[in-house]
Amino acid sequence: MRRVTFHSFTLGDVDDPDIYAAQPIYEWQQTEQGKWVMEHCADPQYTIGPDGASWGHRVRLYGELDDSDATFWQLKWGQVEKH
């Protein structure tokens, strides 16, 4: 199993980042990448933390993929981040 970051984006300095992250997460889930992740990742998750480049927040969607799915992800979308 390999942990893969599927998508990340920034939010401004908002009072409740969980609420403001919901719409972009949902929109990403409707993309080809998002649909594939929802089918192949048993437990997709997200974290919200400070964004070092701004005063806002960084949202990161990630999850565990088996080796063959992680290889497919890397070949199709070109990114597998090791954590």
PDB file of N, CA and C in Angstrom:
ATOM      1  N   MET A   1       0.846  -1.184   0.000  1.00  0.00           N
ATOM      2  CA  MET A   1       0.000   0.000   0.000  1.00  0.00           C
ATOM      3  C   MET A   1       0.888   1.243   0.000  1.00  0.00           C
ATOM      4  N   ARG A   2       0.447   2.226  -0.743  1.00  0.00           N
ATOM      5  CA  ARG A   2       1.192   3.490  -0.816  1.00  0.00           C
ATOM      6  C   ARG A   2       0.233   4.643  -0.574  1.00  0.00           C
ATOM      7  N   ARG A   3       0.684   5.586   0.231  1.00  0.00           N
ATOM      8  CA  ARG A   3      -0.118   6.789   0.471  1.00  0.00           C
ATOM      9  C   ARG A   3       0.123   7.753  -0.682  1.00  0.00           C
ATOM     10  N   VAL A   4      -0.961   8.242  -1.254  1.00  0.00           N
ATOM     11  CA  VAL A   4      -0.891   9.114  -2.420  1.00  0.00           C
ATOM     12  C   VAL A   4      -1.678  10.390  -2.124  1.00  0.00           C
ATOM     13  N   THR A   5      -1.091  11.523  -2.472  1.00  0.00           N
ATOM     14  CA  THR A   5      -1.833  12.781  -2.436  1.00  0.00           C
ATOM     15  C   THR A   5      -2.518  12.934  -3.782  1.00  0.00           C
ATOM     16  N   PHE A   6      -3.847  12.960  -3.761  1.00  0.00           N
ATOM     17  CA  PHE A   6      -4.610  13.012  -4.997  1.00  0.00           C
ATOM     18  C   PHE A   6      -4.817  14.435  -5.502  1.00  0.00           C
ATOM     19  N   HIS A   7      -4.976  15.359  -4.573  1.00  0.00           N
ATOM     20  CA  HIS A   7      -5.305  16.729  -4.972  1.00  0.00           C
ATOM     21  C   HIS A   7      -5.016  17.636  -3.784  1.00  0.00           C
ATOM     22  N   SER A   8      -4.627  18.868  -4.061  1.00  0.00           N
ATOM     23  CA  SER A   8      -4.489  19.855  -2.990  1.00  0.00           C
ATOM     24  C   SER A   8      -4.849  21.225  -3.560  1.00  0.00           C
ATOM     25  N   PHE A   9      -5.313  22.083  -2.681  1.00  0.00           N
ATOM     26  CA  PHE A   9      -5.683  23.442  -3.078  1.00  0.00           C
ATOM     27  C   PHE A   9      -5.613  24.343  -1.856  1.00  0.00           C
ATOM     28  N   THR A  10      -5.641  25.634  -2.101  1.00  0.00           N
ATOM     29  CA  THR A  10      -5.574  26.596  -1.006  1.00  0.00           C
ATOM     30  C   THR A  10      -6.926  27.258  -0.793  1.00  0.00           C
ATOM     31  N   LEU A  11      -7.113  27.670   0.430  1.00  0.00           N
ATOM     32  CA  LEU A  11      -8.268  28.486   0.814  1.00  0.00           C
ATOM     33  C   LEU A  11      -7.729  29.768   1.421  1.00  0.00           C
ATOM     34  N   GLY A  12      -8.503  30.808   1.350  1.00  0.00           N
ATOM     35  CA  GLY A  12      -8.115  32.051   1.996  1.00  0.00           C
ATOM     36  C   GLY A  12      -8.226  31.929   3.504  1.00  0.00           C
ATOM     37  N   ASP A  13      -8.064  33.019   4.176  1.00  0.00           N
ATOM     38  CA  ASP A  13      -8.179  33.070   5.629  1.00  0.00           C
ATOM     39  C   ASP A  13      -9.663  33.128   5.980  1.00  0.00           C
ATOM     40  N   VAL A  14     -10.270  31.956   6.144  1.00  0.00           N
ATOM     41  CA  VAL A  14     -11.705  31.861   6.413  1.00  0.00           C
ATOM     42  C   VAL A  14     -11.933  31.382   7.837  1.00  0.00           C
ATOM     43  N   ASP A  15     -13.127  31.685   8.368  1.00  0.00           N
ATOM     44  CA  ASP A  15     -13.451  31.307   9.740  1.00  0.00           C
ATOM     45  C   ASP A  15     -13.588  29.799   9.924  1.00  0.00           C
ATOM     46  N   ASP A  16     -14.247  29.116   8.974  1.00  0.00           N
ATOM     47  CA  ASP A  16     -14.475  27.681   9.082  1.00  0.00           C
ATOM     48  C   ASP A  16     -14.008  26.992   7.810  1.00  0.00           C
ATOM     49  N   PRO A  17     -12.738  26.608   7.749  1.00  0.00           N
ATOM     50  CA  PRO A  17     -12.207  26.038   6.511  1.00  0.00           C
ATOM     51  C   PRO A  17     -12.896  24.741   6.080  1.00  0.00           C
ATOM     52  N   ASP A  18     -13.414  23.955   7.019  1.00  0.00           N
ATOM     53  CA  ASP A  18     -14.116  22.728   6.636  1.00  0.00           C
ATOM     54  C   ASP A  18     -15.324  23.026   5.758  1.00  0.00           C
ATOM     55  N   ILE A  19     -16.061  24.057   6.101  1.00  0.00           N
ATOM     56  CA  ILE A  19     -17.235  24.420   5.306  1.00  0.00           C
ATOM     57  C   ILE A  19     -16.806  24.950   3.945  1.00  0.00           C
ATOM     58  N   TYR A  20     -15.794  25.794   3.912  1.00  0.00           N
ATOM     59  CA  TYR A  20     -15.346  26.370   2.645  1.00  0.00           C
ATOM     60  C   TYR A  20     -14.640  25.338   1.759  1.00  0.00           C
ATOM     61  N   ALA A  21     -14.099  24.270   2.334  1.00  0.00           N
ATOM     62  CA  ALA A  21     -13.431  23.233   1.541  1.00  0.00           C
ATOM     63  C   ALA A  21     -14.430  22.268   0.905  1.00  0.00           C
ATOM     64  N   ALA A  22     -15.641  22.195   1.428  1.00  0.00           N
ATOM     65  CA  ALA A  22     -16.611  21.205   0.954  1.00  0.00           C
ATOM     66  C   ALA A  22     -16.917  21.344  -0.537  1.00  0.00           C
ATOM     67  N   GLN A  23     -17.152  22.546  -1.023  1.00  0.00           N
ATOM     68  CA  GLN A  23     -17.507  22.751  -2.431  1.00  0.00           C
ATOM     69  C   GLN A  23     -16.376  22.349  -3.377  1.00  0.00           C
ATOM     70  N   PRO A  24     -15.132  22.823  -3.177  1.00  0.00           N
ATOM     71  CA  PRO A  24     -14.051  22.389  -4.069  1.00  0.00           C
ATOM     72  C   PRO A  24     -13.787  20.882  -4.011  1.00  0.00           C
ATOM     73  N   ILE A  25     -13.955  20.273  -2.832  1.00  0.00           N
ATOM     74  CA  ILE A  25     -13.780  18.824  -2.731  1.00  0.00           C
ATOM     75  C   ILE A  25     -14.849  18.120  -3.551  1.00  0.00           C
ATOM     76  N   TYR A  26     -16.095  18.548  -3.412  1.00  0.00           N
ATOM     77  CA  TYR A  26     -17.185  17.942  -4.180  1.00  0.00           C
ATOM     78  C   TYR A  26     -16.943  18.107  -5.682  1.00  0.00           C
ATOM     79  N   GLU A  27     -16.533  19.292  -6.100  1.00  0.00           N
ATOM     80  CA  GLU A  27     -16.279  19.522  -7.523  1.00  0.00           C
ATOM     81  C   GLU A  27     -15.152  18.623  -8.026  1.00  0.00           C
ATOM     82  N   TRP A  28     -14.115  18.415  -7.215  1.00  0.00           N
ATOM     83  CA  TRP A  28     -13.038  17.525  -7.621  1.00  0.00           C
ATOM     84  C   TRP A  28     -13.530  16.085  -7.723  1.00  0.00           C
ATOM     85  N   GLN A  29     -14.418  15.679  -6.825  1.00  0.00           N
ATOM     86  CA  GLN A  29     -14.962  14.324  -6.867  1.00  0.00           C
ATOM     87  C   GLN A  29     -15.726  14.055  -8.165  1.00  0.00           C
ATOM     88  N   GLN A  30     -16.196  15.087  -8.836  1.00  0.00           N
ATOM     89  CA  GLN A  30     -16.947  14.916 -10.080  1.00  0.00           C
ATOM     90  C   GLN A  30     -16.034  14.829 -11.304  1.00  0.00           C
ATOM     91  N   THR A  31     -14.727  15.045 -11.124  1.00  0.00           N
ATOM     92  CA  THR A  31     -13.780  14.959 -12.233  1.00  0.00           C
ATOM     93  C   THR A  31     -13.410  13.490 -12.482  1.00  0.00           C
ATOM     94  N   GLU A  32     -12.704  13.247 -13.578  1.00  0.00           N
ATOM     95  CA  GLU A  32     -12.240  11.892 -13.883  1.00  0.00           C
ATOM     96  C   GLU A  32     -11.360  11.360 -12.756  1.00  0.00           C
ATOM     97  N   GLN A  33     -10.442  12.194 -12.270  1.00  0.00           N
ATOM     98  CA  GLN A  33      -9.568  11.779 -11.168  1.00  0.00           C
ATOM     99  C   GLN A  33     -10.373  11.442  -9.921  1.00  0.00           C
ATOM    100  N   GLY A  34     -11.286  12.323  -9.566  1.00  0.00           N
ATOM    101  CA  GLY A  34     -12.075  12.121  -8.358  1.00  0.00           C
ATOM    102  C   GLY A  34     -12.918  10.866  -8.416  1.00  0.00           C
ATOM    103  N   LYS A  35     -13.549  10.615  -9.542  1.00  0.00           N
ATOM    104  CA  LYS A  35     -14.366   9.403  -9.682  1.00  0.00           C
ATOM    105  C   LYS A  35     -13.501   8.151  -9.584  1.00  0.00           C
ATOM    106  N   TRP A  36     -12.310   8.204 -10.194  1.00  0.00           N
ATOM    107  CA  TRP A  36     -11.415   7.057 -10.128  1.00  0.00           C
ATOM    108  C   TRP A  36     -10.994   6.797  -8.682  1.00  0.00           C
ATOM    109  N   VAL A  37     -10.650   7.850  -7.955  1.00  0.00           N
ATOM    110  CA  VAL A  37     -10.236   7.700  -6.559  1.00  0.00           C
ATOM    111  C   VAL A  37     -11.364   7.117  -5.726  1.00  0.00           C
ATOM    112  N   MET A  38     -12.583   7.590  -5.924  1.00  0.00           N
ATOM    113  CA  MET A  38     -13.703   7.097  -5.140  1.00  0.00           C
ATOM    114  C   MET A  38     -13.955   5.608  -5.390  1.00  0.00           C
ATOM    115  N   GLU A  39     -13.581   5.118  -6.567  1.00  0.00           N
ATOM    116  CA  GLU A  39     -13.736   3.699  -6.878  1.00  0.00           C
ATOM    117  C   GLU A  39     -12.574   2.849  -6.362  1.00  0.00           C
ATOM    118  N   HIS A  40     -11.357   3.400  -6.308  1.00  0.00           N
ATOM    119  CA  HIS A  40     -10.175   2.595  -6.029  1.00  0.00           C
ATOM    120  C   HIS A  40      -9.554   2.803  -4.650  1.00  0.00           C
ATOM    121  N   CYS A  41      -9.926   3.835  -3.961  1.00  0.00           N
ATOM    122  CA  CYS A  41      -9.365   4.096  -2.629  1.00  0.00           C
ATOM    123  C   CYS A  41     -10.431   3.775  -1.583  1.00  0.00           C
ATOM    124  N   ALA A  42     -10.092   2.868  -0.672  1.00  0.00           N
ATOM    125  CA  ALA A  42     -11.063   2.425   0.327  1.00  0.00           C
ATOM    126  C   ALA A  42     -11.434   3.529   1.316  1.00  0.00           C
ATOM    127  N   ASP A  43     -10.500   4.412   1.635  1.00  0.00           N
ATOM    128  CA  ASP A  43     -10.745   5.417   2.671  1.00  0.00           C
ATOM    129  C   ASP A  43     -10.081   6.749   2.315  1.00  0.00           C
ATOM    130  N   PRO A  44     -10.611   7.472   1.305  1.00  0.00           N
ATOM    131  CA  PRO A  44     -10.018   8.777   0.996  1.00  0.00           C
ATOM    132  C   PRO A  44     -10.245   9.754   2.154  1.00  0.00           C
ATOM    133  N   GLN A  45      -9.240  10.569   2.422  1.00  0.00           N
ATOM    134  CA  GLN A  45      -9.306  11.508   3.542  1.00  0.00           C
ATOM    135  C   GLN A  45      -8.778  12.863   3.105  1.00  0.00           C
ATOM    136  N   TYR A  46      -8.942  13.847   3.982  1.00  0.00           N
ATOM    137  CA  TYR A  46      -8.362  15.160   3.710  1.00  0.00           C
ATOM    138  C   TYR A  46      -7.855  15.764   5.004  1.00  0.00           C
ATOM    139  N   THR A  47      -6.890  16.646   4.845  1.00  0.00           N
ATOM    140  CA  THR A  47      -6.390  17.428   5.970  1.00  0.00           C
ATOM    141  C   THR A  47      -6.441  18.894   5.584  1.00  0.00           C
ATOM    142  N   ILE A  48      -6.579  19.728   6.592  1.00  0.00           N
ATOM    143  CA  ILE A  48      -6.529  21.169   6.395  1.00  0.00           C
ATOM    144  C   ILE A  48      -5.486  21.713   7.367  1.00  0.00           C
ATOM    145  N   GLY A  49      -4.523  22.430   6.823  1.00  0.00           N
ATOM    146  CA  GLY A  49      -3.475  23.000   7.655  1.00  0.00           C
ATOM    147  C   GLY A  49      -3.092  24.372   7.145  1.00  0.00           C
ATOM    148  N   PRO A  50      -2.202  25.024   7.837  1.00  0.00           N
ATOM    149  CA  PRO A  50      -1.766  26.349   7.389  1.00  0.00           C
ATOM    150  C   PRO A  50      -1.008  26.259   6.064  1.00  0.00           C
ATOM    151  N   ASP A  51      -1.211  27.239   5.220  1.00  0.00           N
ATOM    152  CA  ASP A  51      -0.485  27.327   3.957  1.00  0.00           C
ATOM    153  C   ASP A  51       0.719  28.231   4.182  1.00  0.00           C
ATOM    154  N   GLY A  52       1.905  27.670   4.045  1.00  0.00           N
ATOM    155  CA  GLY A  52       3.120  28.426   4.307  1.00  0.00           C
ATOM    156  C   GLY A  52       3.353  29.592   3.360  1.00  0.00           C
ATOM    157  N   ALA A  53       2.695  29.590   2.208  1.00  0.00           N
ATOM    158  CA  ALA A  53       2.915  30.646   1.215  1.00  0.00           C
ATOM    159  C   ALA A  53       1.917  31.791   1.340  1.00  0.00           C
ATOM    160  N   SER A  54       0.927  31.642   2.211  1.00  0.00           N
ATOM    161  CA  SER A  54      -0.076  32.703   2.351  1.00  0.00           C
ATOM    162  C   SER A  54      -0.623  32.682   3.779  1.00  0.00           C
ATOM    163  N   TRP A  55      -1.583  33.519   4.018  1.00  0.00           N
ATOM    164  CA  TRP A  55      -2.220  33.561   5.333  1.00  0.00           C
ATOM    165  C   TRP A  55      -3.411  32.618   5.404  1.00  0.00           C
ATOM    166  N   GLY A  56      -3.586  31.803   4.374  1.00  0.00           N
ATOM    167  CA  GLY A  56      -4.749  30.922   4.297  1.00  0.00           C
ATOM    168  C   GLY A  56      -4.467  29.501   4.749  1.00  0.00           C
ATOM    169  N   HIS A  57      -5.213  28.589   4.156  1.00  0.00           N
ATOM    170  CA  HIS A  57      -5.158  27.178   4.515  1.00  0.00           C
ATOM    171  C   HIS A  57      -4.815  26.346   3.281  1.00  0.00           C
ATOM    172  N   ARG A  58      -4.172  25.204   3.483  1.00  0.00           N
ATOM    173  CA  ARG A  58      -3.886  24.239   2.420  1.00  0.00           C
ATOM    174  C   ARG A  58      -4.723  22.999   2.715  1.00  0.00           C
ATOM    175  N   VAL A  59      -5.512  22.573   1.732  1.00  0.00           N
ATOM    176  CA  VAL A  59      -6.329  21.372   1.838  1.00  0.00           C
ATOM    177  C   VAL A  59      -5.653  20.292   0.999  1.00  0.00           C
ATOM    178  N   ARG A  60      -5.480  19.110   1.571  1.00  0.00           N
ATOM    179  CA  ARG A  60      -4.822  18.002   0.876  1.00  0.00           C
ATOM    180  C   ARG A  60      -5.699  16.767   0.952  1.00  0.00           C
ATOM    181  N   LEU A  61      -6.067  16.214  -0.213  1.00  0.00           N
ATOM    182  CA  LEU A  61      -6.840  14.979  -0.297  1.00  0.00           C
ATOM    183  C   LEU A  61      -5.867  13.843  -0.554  1.00  0.00           C
ATOM    184  N   TYR A  62      -5.956  12.796   0.227  1.00  0.00           N
ATOM    185  CA  TYR A  62      -4.999  11.709   0.131  1.00  0.00           C
ATOM    186  C   TYR A  62      -5.656  10.383   0.496  1.00  0.00           C
ATOM    187  N   GLY A  63      -4.922   9.305   0.276  1.00  0.00           N
ATOM    188  CA  GLY A  63      -5.419   7.996   0.657  1.00  0.00           C
ATOM    189  C   GLY A  63      -4.410   6.923   0.319  1.00  0.00           C
ATOM    190  N   GLU A  64      -4.736   5.704   0.697  1.00  0.00           N
ATOM    191  CA  GLU A  64      -3.880   4.553   0.445  1.00  0.00           C
ATOM    192  C   GLU A  64      -4.365   3.835  -0.811  1.00  0.00           C
ATOM    193  N   LEU A  65      -3.414   3.502  -1.683  1.00  0.00           N
ATOM    194  CA  LEU A  65      -3.691   2.696  -2.870  1.00  0.00           C
ATOM    195  C   LEU A  65      -2.774   1.491  -2.858  1.00  0.00           C
ATOM    196  N   ASP A  66      -3.274   0.366  -3.379  1.00  0.00           N
ATOM    197  CA  ASP A  66      -2.359  -0.765  -3.517  1.00  0.00           C
ATOM    198  C   ASP A  66      -1.344  -0.424  -4.600  1.00  0.00           C
ATOM    199  N   ASP A  67      -0.293  -1.205  -4.689  1.00  0.00           N
ATOM    200  CA  ASP A  67       0.818  -0.865  -5.574  1.00  0.00           C
ATOM    201  C   ASP A  67       0.408  -0.732  -7.032  1.00  0.00           C
ATOM    202  N   SER A  68      -0.462  -1.614  -7.508  1.00  0.00           N
ATOM    203  CA  SER A  68      -0.854  -1.532  -8.922  1.00  0.00           C
ATOM    204  C   SER A  68      -1.690  -0.287  -9.191  1.00  0.00           C
ATOM    205  N   ASP A  69      -2.589   0.076  -8.272  1.00  0.00           N
ATOM    206  CA  ASP A  69      -3.371   1.298  -8.454  1.00  0.00           C
ATOM    207  C   ASP A  69      -2.492   2.538  -8.336  1.00  0.00           C
ATOM    208  N   ALA A  70      -1.509   2.515  -7.431  1.00  0.00           N
ATOM    209  CA  ALA A  70      -0.590   3.650  -7.302  1.00  0.00           C
ATOM    210  C   ALA A  70       0.237   3.816  -8.576  1.00  0.00           C
ATOM    211  N   THR A  71       0.633   2.702  -9.168  1.00  0.00           N
ATOM    212  CA  THR A  71       1.376   2.769 -10.435  1.00  0.00           C
ATOM    213  C   THR A  71       0.494   3.340 -11.528  1.00  0.00           C
ATOM    214  N   PHE A  72      -0.763   2.889 -11.602  1.00  0.00           N
ATOM    215  CA  PHE A  72      -1.695   3.431 -12.589  1.00  0.00           C
ATOM    216  C   PHE A  72      -1.859   4.934 -12.392  1.00  0.00           C
ATOM    217  N   TRP A  73      -2.050   5.357 -11.144  1.00  0.00           N
ATOM    218  CA  TRP A  73      -2.207   6.782 -10.832  1.00  0.00           C
ATOM    219  C   TRP A  73      -1.008   7.580 -11.328  1.00  0.00           C
ATOM    220  N   GLN A  74       0.176   7.071 -11.040  1.00  0.00           N
ATOM    221  CA  GLN A  74       1.388   7.795 -11.437  1.00  0.00           C
ATOM    222  C   GLN A  74       1.512   7.864 -12.956  1.00  0.00           C
ATOM    223  N   LEU A  75       1.202   6.796 -13.655  1.00  0.00           N
ATOM    224  CA  LEU A  75       1.296   6.800 -15.105  1.00  0.00           C
ATOM    225  C   LEU A  75       0.242   7.696 -15.746  1.00  0.00           C
ATOM    226  N   LYS A  76      -0.962   7.685 -15.202  1.00  0.00           N
ATOM    227  CA  LYS A  76      -2.065   8.456 -15.795  1.00  0.00           C
ATOM    228  C   LYS A  76      -1.963   9.940 -15.449  1.00  0.00           C
ATOM    229  N   TRP A  77      -1.694  10.239 -14.168  1.00  0.00           N
ATOM    230  CA  TRP A  77      -1.733  11.635 -13.729  1.00  0.00           C
ATOM    231  C   TRP A  77      -0.374  12.169 -13.275  1.00  0.00           C
ATOM    232  N   GLY A  78       0.643  11.320 -13.257  1.00  0.00           N
ATOM    233  CA  GLY A  78       2.017  11.761 -13.096  1.00  0.00           C
ATOM    234  C   GLY A  78       2.459  12.239 -11.746  1.00  0.00           C
ATOM    235  N   GLN A  79       1.794  11.822 -10.684  1.00  0.00           N
ATOM    236  CA  GLN A  79       2.260  12.289  -9.381  1.00  0.00           C
ATOM    237  C   GLN A  79       1.936  11.255  -8.299  1.00  0.00           C
ATOM    238  N   VAL A  80       2.941  10.843  -7.596  1.00  0.00           N
ATOM    239  CA  VAL A  80       2.784  10.041  -6.381  1.00  0.00           C
ATOM    240  C   VAL A  80       3.735  10.659  -5.381  1.00  0.00           C
ATOM    241  N   GLU A  81       3.183  11.200  -4.318  1.00  0.00           N
ATOM    242  CA  GLU A  81       4.001  11.825  -3.285  1.00  0.00           C
ATOM    243  C   GLU A  81       4.215  10.835  -2.158  1.00  0.00           C
ATOM    244  N   LYS A  82       5.434  10.670  -1.723  1.00  0.00           N
ATOM    245  CA  LYS A  82       5.731   9.787  -0.612  1.00  0.00           C
ATOM    246  C   LYS A  82       5.615  10.573   0.688  1.00  0.00           C
ATOM    247  N   HIS A  83       5.023   9.960   1.692  1.00  0.00           N
ATOM    248  CA  HIS A  83       4.843  10.612   2.998  1.00  0.00           C
ATOM    249  C   HIS A  83       5.412   9.747   4.080  1.00  0.00           C
TER     250      HIS A  83
END
